[in-house]
Amino acid sequence: MPFSPPTRGRLAALALSLAMTLGAGGLTAAPASAATPAPAPVSPFGPQAPQNPFTAANGAATMHGDSASSGTTASPGPGTSAIDYSRTALASACPTVVVGGDGYVIALCTTIFGRTPTVHLLDPKTGADLASLALPKGSLFGGVYAYLDNVDRLVVVDGSNTLVRVGHHRTASGWELRIDQSTPLGDAVPAGDDIVGLTPDWEGRVWFATSGGVIGTVDTATGTVRGISTGEGVQNSISTVPGRTAVATDHALYLLSAAPDGAPVVEWRAPYDRGPARKPGQLSWGTGTTPAFFGPERGTEYVTIVDNADPHANLLVYRAAGGPEPVCRIPVLTQYARSGTEDAVIASGRSVFVTNTYGYPYPALPEGAPASRPSSANFDGGLSRIDVNAEGTGCSVVWNSPVKSAALPRLSLADGKIYTVSVTGPTGSAGLNTFAQYHHAVVDPATGAQLSSSFLGIGLVYNPLQMRGTASPDGTLYQGTETGVVRISKR
């Protein structure tokens, strides 16, 4: 029977990658206890993005750490000494791993067989799977970019285009996951369209974007949904800071605010160079990055994306309170003949860190993705750090690093280190899932030097598929992979 991918978007690509790789071969919060407080930041980077009052603590509330999508955490990582690690096999790709105020780990995964979006509750002491809840998929998978709200409920849109809040509850027989609240999105999402990203603003509204270019808000208290259409595709998540929301389509970066009735209002639109075609190692034709807010004073002064220019992608930095003219447009990852990224950046203080995914061999692509140009390329990896100057009038490259990252890196503001999973050995489409070797890697954000590397495993069970790890307050790192979650801790 012919295989027909049922939806578009990043989660679809992750799930389809697995299917093709393996198939061919009410409002009650969970009981809470005080989390271990994170130590005061020691990193020269920062400040940390503002804490969104409607999410769990920054650093572990979203795939990208916080609603600003900074890619940072106030928690320390496992460090550079010896580590212990274990793998929780879930037969699923797990792109979103978040940690609540009670310390429990929640993963949003998509099963390899059946491609069903499933929420898992993991034991923070062992990584064991305590409970799971399959969500309706209909013709859709649900969203990669779920977030954890301020009472530790996972907020996600299911396959019926219903926004749900999934709570975890202790019962007489153990832990249980259940839907505490449901809000249908109705006609705000056109037939055949699907939700790509969602995040709350500072008033409690939930912002969402669809792959077809609808940007909207949801008041889950009243069920009111309001939206506008950009007419442009969206394939990445969205970001919020006080009073502002950023959405990147496959043609432009949008900076929005909410009208008094909650309807989205476009403050400015900044077109970017989307290049002549989709690049190998990217899932769509356009930017591969979620917009990230950052800045040296409040953590909100700037917003940034990476374009799809050829032969080298450019980092674009804008003043959030300004307009569509960039502070800088600078080529990145120029140590290679060509560059591009499907990864969100790390953005903190005046610094932005960009990962090269050019040539990364996703085994499958979202439905409707155009052919890449060229059809394939070597995956070289590499990282670059770019700083905005102190005057806010331009940018410069600080360093280029050869670290070949197979995951989305995370910067710890607590211990001043970047954490990722690096890969060695064969990195072609077959090699990544057979003989490639994966390592817990620690990088110095000041110099780009790799500080340590600890072997994790070989092949697809350890392949992080360019997904981002999440650090918990006790320094444990949880990394989603093609088949589950790896738990990494200091020995």
Protein backbone atom coordinates (compact mmCIF):
# COMPACT_ATOMS: atom_id res chain seq x y z
CA MET A 1 0.00 0.00 0.00
CA PRO A 2 1.49 3.41 -0.93
CA PHE A 3 2.66 5.53 2.01
CA SER A 4 1.00 8.95 2.13
CA PRO A 5 2.18 11.43 4.78
CA PRO A 6 -0.96 12.95 6.28
CA THR A 7 0.26 16.38 7.32
CA ARG A 8 2.88 19.07 7.10
CA GLY A 9 5.27 20.47 9.71
CA ARG A 10 8.28 19.57 11.80
CA LEU A 11 6.58 16.94 13.98
CA ALA A 12 5.31 15.22 10.87
CA ALA A 13 8.83 15.08 9.49
CA LEU A 14 10.18 13.58 12.70
CA ALA A 15 7.46 10.97 12.84
CA LEU A 16 7.72 10.15 9.17
CA SER A 17 11.48 9.83 9.48
CA LEU A 18 10.91 7.12 12.06
CA ALA A 19 8.17 5.38 10.13
CA MET A 20 10.29 5.19 7.00
CA THR A 21 13.48 4.28 8.82
CA LEU A 22 11.98 1.54 10.98
CA GLY A 23 8.95 0.53 8.97
CA ALA A 24 11.09 -0.32 6.00
CA GLY A 25 13.41 -2.31 8.02
CA GLY A 26 -11.30 19.94 35.00
CA LEU A 27 -8.53 22.34 36.07
CA THR A 28 -6.87 20.54 38.96
CA ALA A 29 -3.11 20.72 39.07
CA ALA A 30 -0.90 17.86 40.08
CA PRO A 31 0.22 17.86 43.70
CA ALA A 32 3.26 20.09 43.82
CA SER A 33 6.35 20.17 45.91
CA ALA A 34 9.08 22.78 45.91
CA ALA A 35 11.59 22.29 43.14
CA THR A 36 15.28 22.53 43.91
CA PRO A 37 16.09 26.22 43.34
CA ALA A 38 18.46 26.88 40.47
CA PRO A 39 21.72 28.53 41.49
CA ALA A 40 22.27 32.16 40.62
CA PRO A 41 23.54 32.53 37.06
CA VAL A 42 27.33 32.68 36.73
CA SER A 43 27.47 33.01 32.95
CA PRO A 44 28.57 36.33 31.44
CA PHE A 45 25.67 35.90 29.05
CA GLY A 46 22.16 36.99 29.86
CA PRO A 47 20.00 38.37 31.33
CA GLN A 48 17.55 35.54 31.24
CA ALA A 49 14.38 36.15 29.26
CA PRO A 50 11.48 37.49 31.37
CA GLN A 51 9.53 34.81 33.18
CA ASN A 52 6.18 34.33 31.47
CA PRO A 53 3.55 34.22 34.26
CA PHE A 54 1.56 31.61 32.34
CA THR A 55 4.34 29.04 31.83
CA ALA A 56 6.41 26.84 34.07
CA ALA A 57 9.83 28.13 35.09
CA ASN A 58 12.05 29.48 32.31
CA GLY A 59 14.49 26.99 30.86
CA ALA A 60 12.21 23.96 31.07
CA ALA A 61 8.77 25.23 29.99
CA THR A 62 9.11 24.88 26.20
CA MET A 63 11.24 23.07 23.66
CA HIS A 64 13.29 26.28 23.39
CA GLY A 65 13.35 26.87 27.14
CA ASP A 66 11.01 29.82 27.55
CA SER A 67 8.34 31.72 25.65
CA ALA A 68 11.08 34.00 24.23
CA SER A 69 12.67 30.89 22.63
CA SER A 70 16.09 31.94 23.92
CA GLY A 71 17.51 28.40 24.09
CA THR A 72 18.87 29.10 27.58
CA THR A 73 18.29 27.67 31.02
CA ALA A 74 18.96 28.89 34.56
CA SER A 75 19.68 25.29 35.59
CA PRO A 76 23.15 23.78 35.43
CA GLY A 77 23.93 20.87 33.16
CA PRO A 78 25.84 17.70 34.02
CA GLY A 79 29.17 19.50 33.54
CA THR A 80 32.41 18.19 32.09
CA SER A 81 33.15 15.40 34.55
CA ALA A 82 32.08 11.75 34.24
CA ILE A 83 28.38 11.16 33.57
CA ASP A 84 25.78 8.48 34.12
CA TYR A 85 23.09 7.99 31.52
CA SER A 86 20.09 5.79 30.87
CA ARG A 87 17.60 5.50 28.04
CA THR A 88 13.83 5.33 28.35
CA ALA A 89 12.60 3.39 25.31
CA LEU A 90 9.24 4.76 24.15
CA ALA A 91 9.19 3.59 20.51
CA SER A 92 8.58 7.24 19.70
CA ALA A 93 10.32 10.40 18.62
CA CYS A 94 10.24 12.86 21.52
CA PRO A 95 10.91 16.44 20.36
CA THR A 96 9.46 18.25 23.39
CA VAL A 97 10.70 17.41 26.89
CA VAL A 98 9.75 19.81 29.70
CA VAL A 99 10.08 19.81 33.49
CA GLY A 100 7.43 21.06 35.92
CA GLY A 101 7.72 22.86 39.22
CA ASP A 102 7.16 19.53 40.97
CA GLY A 103 10.22 18.09 39.21
CA TYR A 104 8.34 15.62 37.03
CA VAL A 105 9.40 15.28 33.41
CA ILE A 106 6.81 15.44 30.64
CA ALA A 107 7.55 14.41 27.05
CA LEU A 108 5.43 14.93 23.96
CA CYS A 109 6.27 12.14 21.54
CA THR A 110 4.99 10.60 18.30
CA THR A 111 4.89 6.82 18.07
CA ILE A 112 6.94 5.19 15.35
CA PHE A 113 4.17 2.84 14.34
CA GLY A 114 0.77 4.48 14.05
CA ARG A 115 2.29 7.97 14.36
CA THR A 116 0.10 8.84 17.34
CA PRO A 117 0.93 11.92 19.46
CA THR A 118 1.42 10.69 23.02
CA VAL A 119 2.20 12.46 26.30
CA HIS A 120 4.48 10.63 28.77
CA LEU A 121 5.15 11.36 32.44
CA LEU A 122 8.69 10.32 33.44
CA ASP A 123 10.12 9.66 36.89
CA PRO A 124 12.77 12.36 37.57
CA LYS A 125 14.83 9.93 39.64
CA THR A 126 15.04 7.10 37.13
CA GLY A 127 13.53 8.30 33.85
CA ALA A 128 10.95 5.49 34.02
CA ASP A 129 7.68 5.94 32.14
CA LEU A 130 5.04 6.47 34.85
CA ALA A 131 1.99 7.19 32.70
CA SER A 132 1.04 7.97 29.13
CA LEU A 133 -1.89 9.48 27.26
CA ALA A 134 -2.49 9.14 23.51
CA LEU A 135 -4.08 12.18 21.89
CA PRO A 136 -6.47 12.16 18.93
CA LYS A 137 -4.56 12.41 15.69
CA GLY A 138 -7.33 12.45 13.10
CA SER A 139 -5.50 13.48 9.97
CA LEU A 140 -2.96 15.40 12.02
CA PHE A 141 -0.18 14.72 14.48
CA GLY A 142 -0.63 17.61 16.92
CA GLY A 143 2.11 20.15 17.64
CA VAL A 144 5.77 19.78 18.32
CA TYR A 145 5.83 23.04 20.19
CA ALA A 146 3.73 22.27 23.24
CA TYR A 147 4.50 24.14 26.45
CA LEU A 148 4.05 23.61 30.18
CA ASP A 149 1.73 26.10 31.87
CA ASN A 150 2.11 27.67 35.30
CA VAL A 151 0.42 24.73 37.06
CA ASP A 152 2.43 22.08 35.20
CA ARG A 153 -0.14 21.13 32.55
CA LEU A 154 1.10 20.39 29.05
CA VAL A 155 -0.66 22.68 26.57
CA VAL A 156 -0.92 21.20 23.09
CA VAL A 157 -3.25 21.13 20.09
CA ASP A 158 -4.48 17.64 19.23
CA GLY A 159 -5.43 16.17 15.88
CA SER A 160 -8.97 17.53 16.05
CA ASN A 161 -7.66 21.10 16.34
CA THR A 162 -8.62 21.27 19.98
CA LEU A 163 -6.32 23.05 22.41
CA VAL A 164 -5.99 20.84 25.48
CA ARG A 165 -4.28 21.11 28.85
CA VAL A 166 -2.98 17.73 30.02
CA GLY A 167 -2.48 17.43 33.77
CA HIS A 168 -0.69 14.70 35.71
CA HIS A 169 -2.41 13.45 38.84
CA ARG A 170 -1.48 10.96 41.53
CA THR A 171 -4.20 8.38 42.17
CA ALA A 172 -4.55 5.43 44.53
CA SER A 173 -3.14 3.17 41.83
CA GLY A 174 -0.34 5.48 40.65
CA TRP A 175 0.07 8.40 38.27
CA GLU A 176 -2.52 9.32 35.67
CA LEU A 177 -2.47 11.77 32.76
CA ARG A 178 -5.78 13.32 31.78
CA ILE A 179 -7.17 16.28 29.88
CA ASP A 180 -8.07 19.01 32.37
CA GLN A 181 -9.33 21.56 29.86
CA SER A 182 -10.35 21.57 26.17
CA THR A 183 -10.90 24.53 23.85
CA PRO A 184 -11.98 23.82 20.26
CA LEU A 185 -10.39 26.16 17.73
CA GLY A 186 -13.26 25.73 15.29
CA ASP A 187 -13.22 27.58 11.98
CA ALA A 188 -10.14 29.59 12.98
CA VAL A 189 -8.08 26.73 11.54
CA PRO A 190 -9.11 26.14 7.92
CA ALA A 191 -9.90 22.62 6.76
CA GLY A 192 -6.71 20.79 5.85
CA ASP A 193 -4.55 23.22 7.84
CA ASP A 194 -2.76 22.34 11.08
CA ILE A 195 -1.29 24.07 14.12
CA VAL A 196 2.49 24.44 14.04
CA GLY A 197 3.36 26.50 17.12
CA LEU A 198 1.74 27.93 20.22
CA THR A 199 2.78 29.91 23.27
CA PRO A 200 1.03 32.17 25.83
CA ASP A 201 1.36 35.92 26.17
CA TRP A 202 1.49 37.93 29.39
CA GLU A 203 -2.31 38.31 29.49
CA GLY A 204 -2.86 34.54 29.42
CA ARG A 205 -4.00 34.36 25.80
CA VAL A 206 -2.56 31.44 23.85
CA TRP A 207 -1.07 32.49 20.51
CA PHE A 208 -0.91 29.95 17.69
CA ALA A 209 0.27 29.75 14.09
CA THR A 210 -0.76 27.27 11.40
CA SER A 211 1.26 25.81 8.57
CA GLY A 212 -1.04 27.68 6.18
CA GLY A 213 -0.14 31.04 7.70
CA VAL A 214 -3.00 31.78 10.12
CA ILE A 215 -1.87 33.59 13.28
CA GLY A 216 -4.38 33.64 16.11
CA THR A 217 -5.13 33.96 19.80
CA VAL A 218 -7.25 31.81 22.10
CA ASP A 219 -8.87 32.87 25.36
CA THR A 220 -9.29 29.49 27.03
CA ALA A 221 -11.45 31.01 29.79
CA THR A 222 -14.13 32.12 27.32
CA GLY A 223 -13.34 29.96 24.30
CA THR A 224 -12.92 33.05 22.09
CA VAL A 225 -10.61 32.53 19.10
CA ARG A 226 -9.44 35.35 16.83
CA GLY A 227 -7.07 35.14 13.89
CA ILE A 228 -5.59 36.75 10.79
CA SER A 229 -4.11 35.17 7.67
CA THR A 230 -0.69 36.04 6.29
CA GLY A 231 -1.03 33.89 3.18
CA GLU A 232 2.47 32.54 3.88
CA GLY A 233 3.53 29.19 5.26
CA VAL A 234 4.77 28.71 8.83
CA GLN A 235 6.96 25.75 9.78
CA ASN A 236 8.46 26.83 13.11
CA SER A 237 7.20 27.88 16.51
CA ILE A 238 6.34 31.37 17.74
CA SER A 239 7.73 33.45 20.59
CA THR A 240 6.39 35.96 23.10
CA VAL A 241 7.75 38.58 25.49
CA PRO A 242 5.70 41.26 27.31
CA GLY A 243 3.47 42.95 24.74
CA ARG A 244 5.03 41.31 21.67
CA THR A 245 4.76 38.11 19.64
CA ALA A 246 7.12 37.05 16.84
CA VAL A 247 6.23 34.67 14.00
CA ALA A 248 8.50 33.70 11.09
CA THR A 249 6.79 32.63 7.88
CA ASP A 250 8.58 31.18 4.87
CA HIS A 251 8.83 34.75 3.49
CA ALA A 252 9.09 37.21 6.39
CA LEU A 253 9.43 37.87 10.10
CA TYR A 254 6.30 39.31 11.72
CA LEU A 255 6.23 41.30 14.98
CA LEU A 256 2.71 41.41 16.42
CA SER A 257 0.75 42.67 19.40
CA ALA A 258 -2.82 42.07 20.58
CA ALA A 259 -5.71 44.51 20.10
CA PRO A 260 -7.94 45.23 23.14
CA ASP A 261 -10.23 42.37 22.07
CA GLY A 262 -7.24 40.01 21.74
CA ALA A 263 -7.08 39.98 17.94
CA PRO A 264 -3.55 39.82 16.46
CA VAL A 265 -2.22 43.11 15.07
CA VAL A 266 0.85 43.24 12.79
CA GLU A 267 3.27 45.90 14.08
CA TRP A 268 5.82 45.28 11.34
CA ARG A 269 6.78 42.75 8.68
CA ALA A 270 10.38 42.19 7.58
CA PRO A 271 10.88 40.14 4.37
CA TYR A 272 14.07 38.10 4.22
CA ASP A 273 16.11 36.26 1.58
CA ARG A 274 14.50 32.82 1.34
CA GLY A 275 17.05 31.67 -1.25
CA PRO A 276 16.46 30.03 -4.61
CA ALA A 277 15.24 26.72 -3.13
CA ARG A 278 15.01 24.55 -0.05
CA LYS A 279 18.47 23.54 1.12
CA PRO A 280 19.43 19.96 2.00
CA GLY A 281 19.28 19.69 5.76
CA GLN A 282 16.18 21.89 6.02
CA LEU A 283 12.53 20.87 6.15
CA SER A 284 11.02 23.80 4.28
CA TRP A 285 11.89 26.56 1.81
CA GLY A 286 12.56 29.52 4.06
CA THR A 287 13.94 30.10 7.51
CA GLY A 288 14.47 27.03 9.66
CA THR A 289 14.52 29.03 12.87
CA THR A 290 11.95 29.98 15.47
CA PRO A 291 12.27 33.72 16.25
CA ALA A 292 14.22 34.36 19.45
CA PHE A 293 14.04 37.45 21.66
CA PHE A 294 17.16 38.52 23.54
CA GLY A 295 19.05 41.57 24.78
CA PRO A 296 21.68 42.77 27.26
CA GLU A 297 19.36 44.78 29.50
CA ARG A 298 15.94 43.12 29.67
CA GLY A 299 16.37 40.07 27.45
CA THR A 300 13.78 41.51 25.06
CA GLU A 301 15.43 44.31 23.08
CA TYR A 302 16.19 42.27 19.96
CA VAL A 303 14.51 39.53 17.93
CA THR A 304 16.44 37.32 15.54
CA ILE A 305 16.09 34.65 12.85
CA VAL A 306 18.40 33.06 10.27
CA ASP A 307 17.42 33.41 6.61
CA ASN A 308 17.90 30.91 3.75
CA ALA A 309 20.27 32.92 1.54
CA ASP A 310 22.64 31.08 -0.79
CA PRO A 311 25.41 30.06 -0.43
CA HIS A 312 25.56 31.13 3.23
CA ALA A 313 22.63 31.83 5.50
CA ASN A 314 22.54 35.22 7.24
CA LEU A 315 21.79 36.03 10.84
CA LEU A 316 19.21 38.83 10.95
CA VAL A 317 18.82 40.89 14.12
CA TYR A 318 16.05 43.49 14.58
CA ARG A 319 15.06 45.87 17.34
CA ALA A 320 11.81 44.51 18.69
CA ALA A 321 10.54 48.05 19.35
CA GLY A 322 11.91 49.29 16.05
CA GLY A 323 10.81 48.26 12.59
CA PRO A 324 11.65 46.06 9.66
CA GLU A 325 15.17 47.43 9.13
CA PRO A 326 17.69 45.01 10.64
CA VAL A 327 20.40 45.99 13.10
CA CYS A 328 22.58 43.58 11.17
CA ARG A 329 22.53 41.02 8.38
CA ILE A 330 25.66 38.92 8.55
CA PRO A 331 26.64 35.63 6.85
CA VAL A 332 27.14 32.77 9.30
CA LEU A 333 28.97 29.44 9.26
CA THR A 334 31.20 30.69 6.46
CA GLN A 335 33.89 28.16 7.32
CA TYR A 336 31.99 25.89 4.91
CA ALA A 337 31.25 26.30 1.22
CA ARG A 338 27.52 26.48 2.03
CA SER A 339 25.53 26.81 5.23
CA GLY A 340 21.98 26.73 6.50
CA THR A 341 20.09 25.77 9.61
CA GLU A 342 16.89 24.01 10.62
CA ASP A 343 17.72 24.68 14.28
CA ALA A 344 16.54 27.52 16.48
CA VAL A 345 19.39 29.68 17.71
CA ILE A 346 20.59 30.31 21.24
CA ALA A 347 20.21 34.04 21.98
CA SER A 348 21.39 35.64 25.22
CA GLY A 349 22.76 39.05 26.18
CA ARG A 350 24.37 40.37 23.01
CA SER A 351 25.27 36.90 21.67
CA VAL A 352 23.61 34.55 19.21
CA PHE A 353 24.78 30.97 18.58
CA VAL A 354 23.88 29.35 15.25
CA THR A 355 24.09 25.62 14.42
CA ASN A 356 24.80 24.38 10.90
CA THR A 357 22.43 21.64 9.68
CA TYR A 358 23.26 22.00 5.97
CA GLY A 359 23.21 18.50 4.49
CA TYR A 360 21.71 16.86 7.58
CA PRO A 361 19.92 13.79 6.15
CA TYR A 362 16.35 13.76 7.46
CA PRO A 363 15.03 10.39 6.27
CA ALA A 364 11.69 11.99 5.31
CA LEU A 365 10.29 15.45 4.70
CA PRO A 366 7.01 17.22 5.45
CA GLU A 367 4.25 16.68 2.92
CA GLY A 368 4.54 19.17 0.08
CA ALA A 369 8.17 20.11 0.77
CA PRO A 370 9.82 21.16 -2.50
CA ALA A 371 12.93 19.43 -3.78
CA SER A 372 16.17 20.70 -2.29
CA ARG A 373 18.91 22.29 -4.35
CA PRO A 374 21.25 20.44 -4.50
CA SER A 375 19.44 17.15 -3.88
CA SER A 376 21.92 16.18 -1.15
CA ALA A 377 25.13 17.36 0.49
CA ASN A 378 27.62 16.32 3.13
CA PHE A 379 26.67 17.13 6.70
CA ASP A 380 29.59 19.13 8.12
CA GLY A 381 28.00 20.45 11.31
CA GLY A 382 29.63 23.39 13.04
CA LEU A 383 28.61 26.27 15.31
CA SER A 384 29.10 30.04 15.10
CA ARG A 385 28.80 32.79 17.70
CA ILE A 386 27.80 36.28 16.57
CA ASP A 387 27.65 39.31 18.87
CA VAL A 388 25.68 42.54 18.50
CA ASN A 389 28.02 45.44 19.24
CA ALA A 390 27.57 47.48 22.39
CA GLU A 391 26.05 50.39 20.45
CA GLY A 392 23.43 48.14 18.86
CA THR A 393 24.47 49.22 15.36
CA GLY A 394 26.00 46.06 13.91
CA CYS A 395 27.19 42.50 14.48
CA SER A 396 30.41 40.51 14.17
CA VAL A 397 31.43 36.87 14.20
CA VAL A 398 33.25 35.99 17.44
CA TRP A 399 34.15 32.37 16.67
CA ASN A 400 33.46 29.38 14.46
CA SER A 401 33.56 25.87 15.92
CA PRO A 402 33.82 22.51 14.12
CA VAL A 403 31.62 20.68 16.66
CA LYS A 404 29.22 18.49 14.67
CA SER A 405 25.99 18.83 16.60
CA ALA A 406 23.21 16.30 15.96
CA ALA A 407 20.98 18.03 18.52
CA LEU A 408 19.82 21.56 19.22
CA PRO A 409 22.31 23.01 21.73
CA ARG A 410 21.27 24.58 25.05
CA LEU A 411 23.16 27.30 26.98
CA SER A 412 23.21 27.05 30.76
CA LEU A 413 23.35 30.47 32.40
CA ALA A 414 24.04 28.70 35.71
CA ASP A 415 27.34 27.06 34.77
CA GLY A 416 28.23 28.98 31.61
CA LYS A 417 28.35 25.97 29.26
CA ILE A 418 26.64 24.89 26.05
CA TYR A 419 25.27 21.33 26.05
CA THR A 420 24.52 19.27 22.96
CA VAL A 421 24.88 15.80 21.43
CA SER A 422 27.67 15.54 18.89
CA VAL A 423 28.06 12.84 16.26
CA THR A 424 31.10 11.09 14.80
CA GLY A 425 31.46 8.38 12.21
CA PRO A 426 29.25 7.99 9.15
CA THR A 427 26.61 10.74 8.95
CA GLY A 428 24.82 9.88 5.74
CA SER A 429 21.14 8.94 5.87
CA ALA A 430 21.99 5.31 6.63
CA GLY A 431 24.99 6.03 8.84
CA LEU A 432 23.14 8.21 11.36
CA ASN A 433 20.88 5.31 12.26
CA THR A 434 23.43 2.49 12.08
CA PHE A 435 27.09 3.13 12.90
CA ALA A 436 27.22 6.80 13.86
CA GLN A 437 28.43 7.40 17.42
CA TYR A 438 26.70 9.92 19.66
CA HIS A 439 28.34 11.83 22.50
CA HIS A 440 27.26 14.14 25.31
CA ALA A 441 29.28 17.22 24.31
CA VAL A 442 30.05 20.37 26.30
CA VAL A 443 31.16 23.54 24.49
CA ASP A 444 32.69 26.73 25.88
CA PRO A 445 30.45 29.64 24.74
CA ALA A 446 33.35 32.08 25.18
CA THR A 447 35.68 30.34 22.72
CA GLY A 448 33.73 27.62 20.89
CA ALA A 449 36.16 24.98 22.16
CA GLN A 450 34.77 21.55 23.02
CA LEU A 451 35.40 21.07 26.73
CA SER A 452 34.43 17.41 27.02
CA SER A 453 32.84 14.53 25.15
CA SER A 454 31.24 11.45 26.72
CA PHE A 455 30.13 8.49 24.64
CA LEU A 456 26.41 7.69 24.77
CA GLY A 457 25.71 5.06 22.13
CA ILE A 458 25.50 4.02 18.50
CA GLY A 459 22.73 4.21 15.94
CA LEU A 460 19.15 5.34 15.85
CA VAL A 461 18.26 4.69 19.49
CA TYR A 462 20.62 7.54 20.42
CA ASN A 463 20.04 9.77 17.38
CA PRO A 464 18.66 13.11 18.70
CA LEU A 465 17.40 14.10 15.23
CA GLN A 466 18.24 17.80 15.83
CA MET A 467 15.97 17.97 18.91
CA ARG A 468 16.84 20.05 21.99
CA GLY A 469 17.76 18.73 25.42
CA THR A 470 16.23 20.16 28.62
CA ALA A 471 18.02 20.61 31.95
CA SER A 472 16.18 20.16 35.25
CA PRO A 473 17.03 22.19 38.37
CA ASP A 474 19.13 19.32 39.79
CA GLY A 475 21.46 19.40 36.76
CA THR A 476 20.04 16.36 34.96
CA LEU A 477 19.74 16.69 31.19
CA TYR A 478 16.89 15.04 29.28
CA GLN A 479 17.48 14.54 25.56
CA GLY A 480 14.76 13.40 23.19
CA THR A 481 15.83 10.91 20.54
CA GLU A 482 14.32 9.01 17.63
CA THR A 483 13.07 6.27 19.97
CA GLY A 484 12.64 7.82 23.42
CA VAL A 485 14.43 9.96 25.99
CA VAL A 486 18.02 9.78 27.28
CA ARG A 487 18.62 10.89 30.89
CA ILE A 488 22.15 12.29 31.53
CA SER A 489 23.43 13.18 34.99
CA LYS A 490 26.70 13.94 36.71
CA ARG A 491 28.25 10.83 38.22
